[in-house]
Each structure stands twice: as C-alpha cells, then as structure tokens.
Amino acid sequence: MKKIFGVIALMLMFSFASQGAENEVKLTTANDSLSYFYGKMVGYGVSGDLTHGPDSARVSKDEVIKGMKVVLDADTSNIGFLRGLELGNAFKSMMKGMKQRDNVDLNEKLFLDEFYKAFLDKKAQNPQEYQGLVMQLMTKMSDDAKAKVAAENKQKEEAFFKELLKDSSVKKTDSGVCYKVIAAGDGKVFNPADKILVKYEGKHINGDVFDKSKDGPVPMTPGHVIPGFGEVLKIMSPGAHYIIYIPADQAYGNRGAGPIKPGETLIFDVETTGVMPAEPKAEVKPNTESTQVKTTPAKQPAKTKNTKK
C-alpha cells in the first residue's frame, strides 16, 4: 500500500511540474523533479536575501550570475585555480570588514604585492614573526581612526544640541540627555526593575534609521540598555511617547558599535505600551509522604514451651 501511495505522489509531482513549467522543461524522473524544485527554492531564497539585504541597491543580479558561472564553469580538476578564487573572495571580505569594523582602510595594491612576493618566496618564513607587529599597527591605526571620527562627531554633536535646545518643548537632564514629550502616558512611572514593553526607532542625526522594533514591542529593563536610553525610560509611563536625544557619552562613547560610529549622537523615537507580566512562581507543595513516620507494631517474642520434666 505504501508503495502505491509513493508512486501516485511521484506521478502528481511530475504532472504538476510539467504543467507549471509550461513545456519549458520535461520532467521524467524523481531526480528531475527534485532538481527542478530545488533550483526554484534556492533561487527565490537567494533573490529574497539579495533584495532585502544591505547591498541590494548596488548589486546586479546579472553580475551575481556572472560571478557564479566563473566558479561553476571552472575546471574543477584545477585545484589551484579554485583555491585562488576562494582566497580572492576572502581577501575582499577581509578588507571590507577591516574598513567597517576597525576603520582601517588597507592599501590593497601594497598588501597584494607583498602577499604575492611572500607566497612565491622559496625561502619559507614563519608568519608569526610578523603577527605581533601587524596587531600593534592595526590597534594603533584603528584607535587613531576612531579618535579622528569621534572628534568630528563631537563638533557635530555640539552644533546639533545647540540648535535643538532652541525648542522650548525639549527638556534636558543633568547628564546631558534631552527628550521631547509627544504623549505623557497614564502618569504612573515604571520601576527600574520592570521589563518595559517598548516600540522604538533609532536614528542618526542625519535621519537615517539604524535600528527599530519590527514585530511589536520589545521588553527592555532600564539598567540593561545604554545609559541615556535607560535614564529616560525610568521617567516614562505606560502609553507614553517620547523623542530621546542621546549624546555620545551616554550612548556608545568613542568606541562605536556596528552601524554607530565613534562619538555619534543618537535619536530614539520611543513608545511604551506597558510592562511584561511577571512569570507566576510555581507553588511548592509539602511532600506529606516524606514527612510521615510509618510505625509498625513491635513483634512479640515467640512463646517457648517449658521443657522441664
């Protein structure tokens, strides 16, 4: 019976695929059908990732296919060539990451020239001889680059807050954090330990969004977020809507984080919807069986007959 159902399922699969393909492909085996549907599944998946990815505006699908064909059409018996393709992609990713993460813009030509020389040198050397020096230089260059960016952002921050505070509706705390009340809420402020349900949108001062809540409110505790954000959360109440303006020293400082550059001022549009209910504590019932002492009557000594005659 199971075999019959399996055959029927395969026949339906072939029929469906043939109709959907509109005579473009002819599927005659299970392998054909698997390949057909697998190709569609992965194709639509990669297309979706590309369309919604950070590089979507700069990436052409035709160029993606062109790059794939360079690899897929290569002579797979030529291991060296394939290894070269892997290294080229790895170097590109490495240099892009260094620029974004460490603010180090490597001189690509100089790097590759020295790589080729070392790679082709018949006198092998231990790469660890250079590792310490490379790490020192990277740390210094990264710190210098971050300090430069932070200094530039500090000037922008001062100009931004000077203009912002011309608005009489903007309030400033002792720490330098500013906020504007759009809606006050019900008046009952949150407790510092509350898990507050928050809808938010984070922006750079140029208006670009770097983060936002997507699937409804997010639980947040004031002590577990950046200081400026937590400070204002503690004076908000359910139903409140504030715009929060956070200077760098109350956000991520001169180190930055991900899309946030060193020394950046941040803007958050924040709405609080309530508090996440506390999880009920499990009721502990006493184990009566373990506390009861079971007693059994003592056995009486057996009576013995008098054997005296």
Protein backbone atom coordinates (compact mmCIF):
# COMPACT_ATOMS: atom_id res chain seq x y z
CA MET A 1 0.00 0.00 0.00
CA LYS A 2 2.83 2.42 0.90
CA LYS A 3 4.48 1.76 -2.47
CA ILE A 4 1.23 2.55 -4.31
CA PHE A 5 0.88 5.88 -2.50
CA GLY A 6 4.53 6.67 -3.27
CA VAL A 7 4.02 6.06 -6.99
CA ILE A 8 0.87 8.21 -7.01
CA ALA A 9 2.72 11.04 -5.25
CA LEU A 10 5.53 10.94 -7.80
CA MET A 11 3.04 10.94 -10.70
CA LEU A 12 1.30 14.01 -9.22
CA MET A 13 4.67 15.72 -8.78
CA PHE A 14 5.64 15.10 -12.40
CA SER A 15 2.24 16.28 -13.61
CA PHE A 16 2.32 19.46 -11.52
CA ALA A 17 5.86 20.31 -12.57
CA SER A 18 5.12 19.77 -16.23
CA GLN A 19 2.02 21.99 -16.13
CA GLY A 20 3.78 24.75 -14.14
CA ALA A 21 6.77 24.74 -16.44
CA GLU A 22 4.51 25.26 -19.48
CA ASN A 23 6.52 22.87 -21.63
CA GLU A 24 9.80 24.65 -20.78
CA VAL A 25 11.23 21.58 -19.08
CA LYS A 26 10.32 17.95 -19.32
CA LEU A 27 10.49 16.07 -16.06
CA THR A 28 10.63 12.32 -16.38
CA THR A 29 12.32 11.14 -13.18
CA ALA A 30 12.26 11.89 -9.47
CA ASN A 31 15.77 13.31 -9.85
CA ASP A 32 14.48 15.76 -12.48
CA SER A 33 11.66 16.88 -10.21
CA LEU A 34 13.99 17.29 -7.22
CA SER A 35 16.45 19.33 -9.27
CA TYR A 36 13.62 21.47 -10.68
CA PHE A 37 12.00 22.33 -7.37
CA TYR A 38 15.33 22.62 -5.54
CA GLY A 39 16.50 25.19 -8.09
CA LYS A 40 13.32 27.23 -7.64
CA MET A 41 13.52 27.06 -3.85
CA VAL A 42 17.16 28.23 -3.67
CA GLY A 43 16.71 30.79 -6.46
CA TYR A 44 13.79 32.52 -4.79
CA GLY A 45 15.56 32.32 -1.43
CA VAL A 46 18.78 33.97 -2.64
CA SER A 47 16.76 36.55 -4.59
CA GLY A 48 14.84 37.48 -1.44
CA ASP A 49 18.03 37.77 0.61
CA LEU A 50 19.59 39.96 -2.06
CA THR A 51 16.51 42.17 -2.47
CA HIS A 52 16.22 42.88 1.25
CA GLY A 53 19.95 42.89 2.04
CA PRO A 54 22.10 45.94 2.85
CA ASP A 55 23.76 45.91 -0.60
CA SER A 56 20.55 45.49 -2.62
CA ALA A 57 20.84 48.87 -4.35
CA ARG A 58 24.40 48.20 -5.51
CA VAL A 59 24.18 44.56 -6.59
CA SER A 60 23.07 43.48 -10.06
CA LYS A 61 21.52 40.01 -10.36
CA ASP A 62 23.19 39.61 -13.76
CA GLU A 63 26.58 40.23 -12.16
CA VAL A 64 25.80 37.68 -9.44
CA ILE A 65 25.11 35.05 -12.08
CA LYS A 66 28.25 36.09 -13.96
CA GLY A 67 30.34 35.57 -10.83
CA MET A 68 28.70 32.20 -10.14
CA LYS A 69 29.48 30.98 -13.64
CA VAL A 70 33.17 31.86 -13.26
CA VAL A 71 33.31 29.36 -10.40
CA LEU A 72 30.82 26.76 -11.66
CA ASP A 73 32.29 26.67 -15.18
CA ALA A 74 35.86 26.40 -13.91
CA ASP A 75 37.88 23.23 -14.33
CA THR A 76 37.22 21.51 -11.03
CA SER A 77 40.32 19.38 -11.50
CA ASN A 78 42.41 22.57 -11.29
CA ILE A 79 42.55 22.77 -7.50
CA GLY A 80 44.96 25.71 -7.53
CA PHE A 81 42.64 27.90 -9.57
CA LEU A 82 39.67 27.17 -7.31
CA ARG A 83 41.81 27.89 -4.25
CA GLY A 84 42.77 31.23 -5.81
CA LEU A 85 39.10 32.13 -6.27
CA GLU A 86 38.46 31.34 -2.60
CA LEU A 87 41.40 33.47 -1.46
CA GLY A 88 40.37 36.39 -3.66
CA ASN A 89 36.87 36.40 -2.14
CA ALA A 90 38.30 36.00 1.36
CA PHE A 91 40.68 38.96 0.90
CA LYS A 92 37.87 41.18 -0.39
CA SER A 93 35.70 40.33 2.62
CA MET A 94 38.64 40.80 5.00
CA MET A 95 39.49 44.27 3.70
CA LYS A 96 35.84 45.34 3.71
CA GLY A 97 35.48 44.12 7.31
CA MET A 98 38.62 45.95 8.44
CA LYS A 99 37.29 49.19 6.99
CA GLN A 100 33.83 48.86 8.53
CA ARG A 101 34.79 47.33 11.87
CA ASP A 102 38.23 48.81 12.60
CA ASN A 103 38.24 51.96 10.46
CA VAL A 104 41.40 50.67 8.78
CA ASP A 105 41.47 51.23 5.00
CA LEU A 106 44.17 48.83 3.86
CA ASN A 107 46.29 49.75 0.82
CA GLU A 108 45.05 46.92 -1.40
CA LYS A 109 47.81 47.13 -4.03
CA LEU A 110 50.62 47.18 -1.46
CA PHE A 111 49.04 44.35 0.51
CA LEU A 112 48.63 42.13 -2.57
CA ASP A 113 52.13 42.92 -3.90
CA GLU A 114 53.68 41.74 -0.63
CA PHE A 115 51.35 38.73 -0.47
CA TYR A 116 52.47 37.59 -3.93
CA LYS A 117 56.17 38.02 -3.03
CA ALA A 118 55.83 36.09 0.23
CA PHE A 119 53.63 33.43 -1.35
CA LEU A 120 56.14 32.77 -4.17
CA ASP A 121 59.25 33.04 -1.99
CA LYS A 122 61.08 29.69 -1.97
CA LYS A 123 62.54 30.52 1.43
CA ALA A 124 59.64 29.88 3.77
CA GLN A 125 59.34 32.08 6.86
CA ASN A 126 57.20 31.75 9.96
CA PRO A 127 54.23 34.16 9.59
CA GLN A 128 54.12 34.54 13.38
CA GLU A 129 57.26 36.66 13.10
CA TYR A 130 55.05 39.41 11.67
CA GLN A 131 51.89 38.76 13.66
CA GLY A 132 52.79 40.83 16.72
CA LEU A 133 53.81 43.83 14.61
CA VAL A 134 50.66 43.57 12.49
CA MET A 135 48.43 43.52 15.59
CA GLN A 136 50.22 46.56 17.10
CA LEU A 137 49.86 48.53 13.89
CA MET A 138 46.21 47.56 13.45
CA THR A 139 45.36 48.57 17.02
CA LYS A 140 47.13 51.93 16.68
CA MET A 141 45.58 52.69 13.29
CA SER A 142 42.13 51.64 14.50
CA ASP A 143 42.39 53.78 17.65
CA ASP A 144 43.69 56.77 15.69
CA ALA A 145 40.91 56.46 13.10
CA LYS A 146 38.22 56.14 15.79
CA ALA A 147 39.59 59.16 17.67
CA LYS A 148 39.51 61.23 14.47
CA VAL A 149 35.90 60.21 13.71
CA ALA A 150 34.89 60.83 17.34
CA ALA A 151 36.38 64.35 17.27
CA GLU A 152 34.49 65.16 14.08
CA ASN A 153 31.25 63.82 15.57
CA LYS A 154 31.82 65.81 18.77
CA GLN A 155 31.70 69.03 16.75
CA LYS A 156 28.52 67.87 15.03
CA GLU A 157 27.02 66.95 18.41
CA GLU A 158 27.68 70.39 19.90
CA ALA A 159 26.07 72.11 16.92
CA PHE A 160 23.14 69.70 16.98
CA PHE A 161 22.26 70.23 20.67
CA LYS A 162 22.76 73.99 20.41
CA GLU A 163 20.10 74.10 17.71
CA LEU A 164 17.86 71.50 19.41
CA LEU A 165 17.63 73.40 22.70
CA LYS A 166 16.16 76.40 20.95
CA ASP A 167 12.93 74.37 21.07
CA SER A 168 11.35 75.18 24.44
CA SER A 169 9.49 71.85 24.49
CA VAL A 170 12.79 69.93 24.69
CA LYS A 171 13.91 69.09 28.22
CA LYS A 172 17.48 68.37 29.31
CA THR A 173 18.64 66.12 32.16
CA ASP A 174 21.73 66.61 34.31
CA SER A 175 23.60 64.01 32.23
CA GLY A 176 23.01 65.95 29.02
CA VAL A 177 20.32 63.66 27.61
CA CYS A 178 17.44 65.59 26.03
CA TYR A 179 13.88 64.47 25.39
CA LYS A 180 10.63 65.75 23.99
CA VAL A 181 7.25 64.51 25.27
CA ILE A 182 4.83 63.69 22.47
CA ALA A 183 2.37 61.86 24.76
CA ALA A 184 2.75 61.66 28.56
CA GLY A 185 1.06 58.31 29.19
CA ASP A 186 -1.04 57.46 32.26
CA GLY A 187 1.28 59.18 34.76
CA LYS A 188 2.50 56.11 36.67
CA VAL A 189 6.25 55.81 36.11
CA PHE A 190 7.93 52.45 35.71
CA ASN A 191 10.02 50.71 38.34
CA PRO A 192 13.73 50.32 37.50
CA ALA A 193 13.41 46.52 37.51
CA ASP A 194 10.36 46.44 35.22
CA LYS A 195 10.57 44.75 31.83
CA ILE A 196 9.05 47.62 29.88
CA LEU A 197 7.41 46.88 26.54
CA VAL A 198 8.88 49.35 24.06
CA LYS A 199 8.35 50.22 20.42
CA TYR A 200 11.32 52.21 19.15
CA GLU A 201 13.16 53.54 16.14
CA GLY A 202 16.82 54.56 16.37
CA LYS A 203 18.25 57.19 14.03
CA HIS A 204 21.48 59.01 13.31
CA ILE A 205 21.25 62.81 13.48
CA ASN A 206 21.03 62.87 9.67
CA GLY A 207 17.73 60.97 9.93
CA ASP A 208 18.96 57.58 8.71
CA VAL A 209 17.44 54.66 10.65
CA PHE A 210 19.94 52.19 12.11
CA ASP A 211 17.58 50.03 14.19
CA LYS A 212 13.90 49.58 15.01
CA SER A 213 11.47 47.19 16.68
CA LYS A 214 9.84 45.12 13.95
CA ASP A 215 7.43 42.57 15.41
CA GLY A 216 5.69 44.55 18.12
CA PRO A 217 7.01 45.90 21.43
CA VAL A 218 10.35 44.68 22.80
CA PRO A 219 10.87 44.05 26.55
CA MET A 220 13.60 46.29 27.99
CA THR A 221 14.91 46.90 31.50
CA PRO A 222 16.34 50.41 32.12
CA GLY A 223 19.56 49.05 33.60
CA HIS A 224 20.26 46.80 30.62
CA VAL A 225 20.30 49.39 27.82
CA ILE A 226 22.63 52.31 27.03
CA PRO A 227 22.65 54.84 29.92
CA GLY A 228 20.82 57.69 28.15
CA PHE A 229 18.03 55.42 26.95
CA GLY A 230 17.60 53.81 30.37
CA GLU A 231 17.57 57.19 32.13
CA VAL A 232 14.56 58.39 30.19
CA LEU A 233 12.77 55.03 30.30
CA LYS A 234 12.66 55.37 34.10
CA ILE A 235 10.63 58.59 33.90
CA MET A 236 8.19 57.32 31.27
CA SER A 237 4.89 55.61 31.93
CA PRO A 238 2.60 53.21 30.01
CA GLY A 239 1.25 54.83 26.85
CA ALA A 240 4.00 57.47 26.74
CA HIS A 241 5.65 58.62 23.52
CA TYR A 242 8.98 60.45 23.74
CA ILE A 243 11.73 61.53 21.36
CA ILE A 244 15.06 60.97 23.10
CA TYR A 245 18.30 62.72 22.05
CA ILE A 246 21.36 60.97 23.48
CA PRO A 247 24.90 62.43 23.42
CA ALA A 248 27.72 60.01 22.69
CA ASP A 249 28.97 59.81 26.29
CA GLN A 250 25.56 58.45 27.31
CA ALA A 251 25.40 56.05 24.34
CA TYR A 252 28.34 54.11 22.82
CA GLY A 253 31.06 56.66 23.51
CA ASN A 254 34.14 56.82 21.30
CA ARG A 255 34.17 53.09 20.61
CA GLY A 256 31.04 52.97 18.43
CA ALA A 257 29.10 49.78 17.79
CA GLY A 258 28.08 48.22 14.47
CA PRO A 259 26.42 50.92 12.34
CA ILE A 260 27.03 53.53 15.07
CA LYS A 261 30.28 55.41 14.53
CA PRO A 262 32.58 56.58 17.35
CA GLY A 263 31.26 59.67 19.13
CA GLU A 264 27.82 59.58 17.49
CA THR A 265 24.75 61.30 18.88
CA LEU A 266 21.64 59.10 18.69
CA ILE A 267 17.93 59.85 18.37
CA PHE A 268 15.26 57.41 19.53
CA ASP A 269 11.54 57.63 18.88
CA VAL A 270 10.13 55.62 21.80
CA GLU A 271 6.63 54.45 22.75
CA THR A 272 5.96 52.44 25.90
CA THR A 273 2.95 50.13 25.86
CA GLY A 274 3.15 48.58 29.32
CA VAL A 275 5.07 46.09 31.41
CA MET A 276 5.72 42.43 30.69
CA PRO A 277 3.79 40.42 33.30
CA ALA A 278 5.96 38.63 35.82
CA GLU A 279 6.10 34.88 35.42
CA PRO A 280 4.00 33.16 38.09
CA LYS A 281 6.03 31.38 40.71
CA ALA A 282 5.49 27.68 40.91
CA GLU A 283 3.58 26.66 44.04
CA VAL A 284 5.64 24.40 46.27
CA LYS A 285 3.53 21.77 47.99
CA PRO A 286 4.89 19.96 51.03
CA ASN A 287 5.71 16.35 50.44
CA THR A 288 3.50 14.75 53.06
CA GLU A 289 4.73 11.28 52.25
CA SER A 290 8.29 12.12 53.18
CA THR A 291 7.28 13.73 56.47
CA GLN A 292 5.07 10.95 57.72
CA VAL A 293 6.66 8.43 60.04
CA LYS A 294 5.34 4.98 59.47
CA THR A 295 5.16 2.81 62.54
CA THR A 296 4.59 -0.88 62.77
CA PRO A 297 3.72 -2.77 65.91
CA ALA A 298 6.71 -4.41 67.55
CA LYS A 299 6.82 -8.12 67.19
CA GLN A 300 6.20 -10.00 70.38
CA PRO A 301 8.83 -12.56 71.27
CA ALA A 302 7.72 -16.04 70.43
CA LYS A 303 6.47 -18.10 73.34
CA THR A 304 8.53 -21.14 74.17
CA LYS A 305 7.27 -24.30 75.73
CA ASN A 306 8.54 -25.31 79.15
CA THR A 307 10.64 -28.41 78.54
CA LYS A 308 11.31 -29.20 82.14
CA LYS A 309 10.07 -32.57 83.16
